[in-house]
Amino acid sequence: AQLDRFAPLQLTYPPIEEEVRLLRPRHHELSDKVIRLVVEIADRLRQAPELSAGLSVRATDELCTYLKHPMIATQRKALFGALARSTFCGRLPGHWNDPASDAGIAWSIIQAVLKEKKVTET
């Protein structure tokens, strides 16, 4: 009966450029480079076949909110990894230090992107 009343929709995540464009007005305190890094990490996690779930745009919005906080802003580069770990891995099953769990797999992907982009982690 519900299929008769409701059209089933399957939504995908927005492309990187579109998500950056969506986040920019809400987080004008952050540079495009920082917002793009947040979105690129989320996109890499969304594309990872070994993860059972992806991250919503709310997850990228939340990380941007933390990164622009005045207490974080002066240490943004140093805290970026810890904040990404908390925000992104915390939304997935398991624990970030368990490499067999989704959260642990996500953390290894986050670390790889941060290393690739030469961002200091904590």
Protein backbone atom coordinates (compact mmCIF):
# COMPACT_ATOMS: atom_id res chain seq x y z
CA ALA A 1 0.00 0.00 0.00
CA GLN A 2 2.82 2.41 0.78
CA LEU A 3 4.39 1.89 -2.63
CA ASP A 4 1.13 3.07 -4.17
CA ARG A 5 1.19 6.30 -2.14
CA PHE A 6 4.87 7.11 -1.96
CA ALA A 7 7.37 7.23 -4.77
CA PRO A 8 10.57 5.42 -3.76
CA LEU A 9 13.54 7.74 -4.23
CA GLN A 10 17.19 6.94 -4.20
CA LEU A 11 19.36 9.98 -3.58
CA THR A 12 23.07 10.17 -4.08
CA TYR A 13 25.54 12.51 -2.45
CA PRO A 14 26.20 15.81 -4.19
CA PRO A 15 29.38 16.12 -6.26
CA ILE A 16 32.35 17.63 -4.42
CA GLU A 17 31.99 21.04 -6.06
CA GLU A 18 28.28 21.22 -5.24
CA GLU A 19 28.79 20.26 -1.61
CA VAL A 20 31.55 22.88 -1.26
CA ARG A 21 29.14 25.41 -2.77
CA LEU A 22 26.44 24.39 -0.26
CA LEU A 23 28.78 24.68 2.73
CA ARG A 24 30.54 27.93 1.75
CA PRO A 25 27.75 30.38 2.79
CA ARG A 26 27.29 28.67 6.17
CA HIS A 27 31.01 28.63 6.90
CA HIS A 28 32.36 31.80 5.31
CA GLU A 29 34.98 31.98 8.08
CA LEU A 30 36.72 28.97 6.54
CA SER A 31 38.79 29.09 3.39
CA ASP A 32 37.66 27.18 0.32
CA LYS A 33 40.74 24.99 0.80
CA VAL A 34 39.57 23.87 4.27
CA ILE A 35 35.98 23.27 3.16
CA ARG A 36 37.21 21.33 0.13
CA LEU A 37 39.43 19.14 2.34
CA VAL A 38 36.45 18.31 4.59
CA VAL A 39 34.33 17.39 1.57
CA GLU A 40 37.12 15.41 -0.13
CA ILE A 41 37.58 13.29 3.00
CA ALA A 42 33.83 12.69 3.24
CA ASP A 43 33.70 11.82 -0.46
CA ARG A 44 36.57 9.33 -0.07
CA LEU A 45 34.68 7.71 2.82
CA ARG A 46 31.46 7.63 0.79
CA GLN A 47 33.27 5.91 -2.10
CA ALA A 48 34.96 3.30 0.12
CA PRO A 49 33.39 -0.08 -0.71
CA GLU A 50 34.57 -1.55 2.59
CA LEU A 51 32.34 0.81 4.62
CA SER A 52 28.73 -0.17 5.24
CA ALA A 53 27.44 3.43 5.33
CA GLY A 54 28.33 6.86 4.02
CA LEU A 55 28.35 10.28 5.62
CA SER A 56 25.57 12.80 5.18
CA VAL A 57 26.14 16.43 4.30
CA ARG A 58 25.29 17.10 7.95
CA ALA A 59 28.56 15.38 8.88
CA THR A 60 30.61 17.74 6.70
CA ASP A 61 28.60 20.69 8.01
CA GLU A 62 29.31 19.61 11.59
CA LEU A 63 33.06 19.32 11.00
CA CYS A 64 33.10 22.78 9.39
CA THR A 65 31.23 24.15 12.42
CA TYR A 66 33.91 22.77 14.75
CA LEU A 67 36.74 24.01 12.55
CA LYS A 68 35.48 27.60 12.56
CA HIS A 69 35.01 27.79 16.33
CA PRO A 70 37.22 30.57 17.78
CA MET A 71 38.96 28.18 20.19
CA ILE A 72 39.87 25.88 17.29
CA ALA A 73 40.63 28.44 14.58
CA THR A 74 44.17 29.21 15.78
CA GLN A 75 45.04 25.48 15.93
CA ARG A 76 42.93 24.29 13.00
CA LYS A 77 45.70 22.42 11.18
CA ALA A 78 46.92 20.63 14.31
CA LEU A 79 43.41 19.65 15.41
CA PHE A 80 41.99 18.80 12.00
CA GLY A 81 42.67 15.05 12.26
CA ALA A 82 41.23 14.67 15.75
CA LEU A 83 38.11 16.62 14.81
CA ALA A 84 37.62 14.62 11.60
CA ARG A 85 38.10 11.39 13.56
CA SER A 86 35.56 12.42 16.18
CA THR A 87 33.00 13.76 13.72
CA PHE A 88 33.23 11.18 10.94
CA CYS A 89 34.30 7.98 12.75
CA GLY A 90 31.83 8.65 15.54
CA ARG A 91 28.98 8.23 13.05
CA LEU A 92 30.06 4.74 12.03
CA PRO A 93 29.86 1.38 13.84
CA GLY A 94 32.84 0.38 15.95
CA HIS A 95 35.71 2.37 17.36
CA TRP A 96 38.33 4.37 15.48
CA ASN A 97 41.19 2.33 16.98
CA ASP A 98 39.68 -1.00 15.85
CA PRO A 99 40.96 -1.46 12.28
CA ALA A 100 38.35 -4.17 11.61
CA SER A 101 35.38 -1.86 12.35
CA ASP A 102 33.84 0.71 10.03
CA ALA A 103 35.07 3.49 12.29
CA GLY A 104 38.61 2.06 12.20
CA ILE A 105 38.55 1.69 8.43
CA ALA A 106 37.28 5.26 8.14
CA TRP A 107 40.09 6.51 10.39
CA SER A 108 42.70 4.81 8.20
CA ILE A 109 41.16 6.48 5.13
CA ILE A 110 41.11 9.87 6.89
CA GLN A 111 44.76 9.46 7.86
CA ALA A 112 45.68 8.56 4.28
CA VAL A 113 43.94 11.66 2.90
CA LEU A 114 45.55 13.90 5.53
CA LYS A 115 48.97 12.47 4.69
CA GLU A 116 48.31 12.86 0.97
CA LYS A 117 47.26 16.50 1.52
CA LYS A 118 50.15 17.10 3.96
CA VAL A 119 47.91 18.08 6.87
CA THR A 120 49.39 17.60 10.36
CA GLU A 121 47.39 15.20 12.51
CA THR A 122 47.18 14.73 16.24
